[in-house]
């Protein structure tokens, strides 16, 4: 199991942008401020925002990831991962 320090290192190294969904007003502000960061970079977004149990298919995508792509005027590709 990863330690908190290794998680922080991973977040820093991969330039993760963490969104706290418990405060919708703050998360929308963070998404708006993030748009300029993704224009010149290749980024990975996990629009489900959480993990499912793997038995019921994909969970609904969160709207913020798509709003971010529109705001930044970038193309995106939908990719799905499933457990084998």
C-alpha atoms as a PDB file:
ATOM      1  CA  UNK A   1       0.000   0.000   0.000  1.00  0.00           C
ATOM      2  CA  UNK A   2       1.314   3.425  -0.946  1.00  0.00           C
ATOM      3  CA  UNK A   3       2.172   5.876   1.771  1.00  0.00           C
ATOM      4  CA  UNK A   4       0.935   9.442   1.847  1.00  0.00           C
ATOM      5  CA  UNK A   5       4.435  10.711   1.009  1.00  0.00           C
ATOM      6  CA  UNK A   6       4.670   8.516  -2.086  1.00  0.00           C
ATOM      7  CA  UNK A   7       1.200   9.686  -3.155  1.00  0.00           C
ATOM      8  CA  UNK A   8       2.287  13.321  -2.836  1.00  0.00           C
ATOM      9  CA  UNK A   9       5.431  12.556  -4.834  1.00  0.00           C
ATOM     10  CA  UNK A  10       3.349  10.896  -7.554  1.00  0.00           C
ATOM     11  CA  UNK A  11       0.980  13.883  -7.668  1.00  0.00           C
ATOM     12  CA  UNK A  12       3.911  16.285  -7.996  1.00  0.00           C
ATOM     13  CA  UNK A  13       5.820  14.205 -10.561  1.00  0.00           C
ATOM     14  CA  UNK A  14       2.820  13.680 -12.829  1.00  0.00           C
ATOM     15  CA  UNK A  15       1.548  17.254 -12.358  1.00  0.00           C
ATOM     16  CA  UNK A  16      -1.818  15.989 -11.127  1.00  0.00           C
ATOM     17  CA  UNK A  17      -4.568  18.478 -10.584  1.00  0.00           C
ATOM     18  CA  UNK A  18      -6.761  17.199  -7.793  1.00  0.00           C
ATOM     19  CA  UNK A  19     -10.362  18.345  -7.648  1.00  0.00           C
ATOM     20  CA  UNK A  20     -12.260  18.155  -4.367  1.00  0.00           C
ATOM     21  CA  UNK A  21     -15.824  17.460  -5.447  1.00  0.00           C
ATOM     22  CA  UNK A  22     -17.289  18.048  -1.993  1.00  0.00           C
ATOM     23  CA  UNK A  23     -17.350  21.806  -2.709  1.00  0.00           C
ATOM     24  CA  UNK A  24     -18.897  22.276  -6.156  1.00  0.00           C
ATOM     25  CA  UNK A  25     -18.324  26.034  -6.276  1.00  0.00           C
ATOM     26  CA  UNK A  26     -14.620  25.650  -5.492  1.00  0.00           C
ATOM     27  CA  UNK A  27     -14.209  22.740  -7.909  1.00  0.00           C
ATOM     28  CA  UNK A  28     -15.769  24.699 -10.792  1.00  0.00           C
ATOM     29  CA  UNK A  29     -13.442  27.624 -10.042  1.00  0.00           C
ATOM     30  CA  UNK A  30     -10.455  25.281 -10.053  1.00  0.00           C
ATOM     31  CA  UNK A  31     -11.560  23.788 -13.386  1.00  0.00           C
ATOM     32  CA  UNK A  32     -11.879  27.262 -14.890  1.00  0.00           C
ATOM     33  CA  UNK A  33      -8.393  28.186 -13.678  1.00  0.00           C
ATOM     34  CA  UNK A  34      -6.997  24.904 -15.009  1.00  0.00           C
ATOM     35  CA  UNK A  35      -8.087  25.366 -18.627  1.00  0.00           C
ATOM     36  CA  UNK A  36      -5.009  27.374 -19.583  1.00  0.00           C
ATOM     37  CA  UNK A  37      -2.722  24.657 -18.184  1.00  0.00           C
ATOM     38  CA  UNK A  38      -3.941  21.909 -20.493  1.00  0.00           C
ATOM     39  CA  UNK A  39      -3.811  23.800 -23.788  1.00  0.00           C
ATOM     40  CA  UNK A  40      -0.163  22.962 -24.485  1.00  0.00           C
ATOM     41  CA  UNK A  41       0.084  19.619 -22.725  1.00  0.00           C
ATOM     42  CA  UNK A  42      -1.190  16.102 -23.167  1.00  0.00           C
ATOM     43  CA  UNK A  43      -3.282  15.259 -20.171  1.00  0.00           C
ATOM     44  CA  UNK A  44      -5.204  12.333 -18.780  1.00  0.00           C
ATOM     45  CA  UNK A  45      -8.574  12.943 -17.184  1.00  0.00           C
ATOM     46  CA  UNK A  46     -10.562  10.323 -15.337  1.00  0.00           C
ATOM     47  CA  UNK A  47     -14.101  11.637 -15.856  1.00  0.00           C
ATOM     48  CA  UNK A  48     -15.809   8.997 -13.733  1.00  0.00           C
ATOM     49  CA  UNK A  49     -14.160  10.619 -10.766  1.00  0.00           C
ATOM     50  CA  UNK A  50     -14.297   7.438  -8.725  1.00  0.00           C
ATOM     51  CA  UNK A  51     -13.947   3.692  -8.987  1.00  0.00           C
ATOM     52  CA  UNK A  52     -16.818   1.296  -9.385  1.00  0.00           C
ATOM     53  CA  UNK A  53     -16.981  -2.295  -8.267  1.00  0.00           C
ATOM     54  CA  UNK A  54     -16.260  -3.485 -11.813  1.00  0.00           C
ATOM     55  CA  UNK A  55     -19.458  -5.493 -11.968  1.00  0.00           C
ATOM     56  CA  UNK A  56     -21.907  -2.838 -13.130  1.00  0.00           C
ATOM     57  CA  UNK A  57     -20.002  -1.304 -16.057  1.00  0.00           C
ATOM     58  CA  UNK A  58     -18.908   2.304 -16.248  1.00  0.00           C
ATOM     59  CA  UNK A  59     -20.151   4.871 -13.835  1.00  0.00           C
ATOM     60  CA  UNK A  60     -21.596   8.123 -15.206  1.00  0.00           C
ATOM     61  CA  UNK A  61     -18.941  10.595 -16.331  1.00  0.00           C
ATOM     62  CA  UNK A  62     -18.631  13.830 -14.413  1.00  0.00           C
ATOM     63  CA  UNK A  63     -19.348  16.956 -16.472  1.00  0.00           C
ATOM     64  CA  UNK A  64     -16.317  18.914 -15.295  1.00  0.00           C
ATOM     65  CA  UNK A  65     -13.823  17.059 -17.486  1.00  0.00           C
ATOM     66  CA  UNK A  66     -15.784  17.851 -20.615  1.00  0.00           C
ATOM     67  CA  UNK A  67     -16.403  21.456 -19.587  1.00  0.00           C
ATOM     68  CA  UNK A  68     -12.657  21.776 -19.075  1.00  0.00           C
ATOM     69  CA  UNK A  69     -11.934  20.486 -22.591  1.00  0.00           C
ATOM     70  CA  UNK A  70     -14.441  22.913 -24.100  1.00  0.00           C
ATOM     71  CA  UNK A  71     -13.074  25.823 -22.052  1.00  0.00           C
ATOM     72  CA  UNK A  72      -9.501  25.023 -23.082  1.00  0.00           C
ATOM     73  CA  UNK A  73     -10.569  24.388 -26.689  1.00  0.00           C
ATOM     74  CA  UNK A  74      -8.720  21.073 -26.835  1.00  0.00           C
ATOM     75  CA  UNK A  75      -9.625  17.774 -28.443  1.00  0.00           C
ATOM     76  CA  UNK A  76     -10.196  14.785 -26.261  1.00  0.00           C
ATOM     77  CA  UNK A  77     -10.480  11.054 -26.788  1.00  0.00           C
ATOM     78  CA  UNK A  78     -12.634   8.816 -24.662  1.00  0.00           C
ATOM     79  CA  UNK A  79     -10.829   5.746 -23.397  1.00  0.00           C
ATOM     80  CA  UNK A  80     -12.257   3.071 -21.151  1.00  0.00           C
ATOM     81  CA  UNK A  81     -10.313   0.713 -18.897  1.00  0.00           C
ATOM     82  CA  UNK A  82     -11.796  -2.483 -17.574  1.00  0.00           C
ATOM     83  CA  UNK A  83     -10.420  -5.192 -15.345  1.00  0.00           C
ATOM     84  CA  UNK A  84      -9.724  -8.458 -17.102  1.00  0.00           C
END
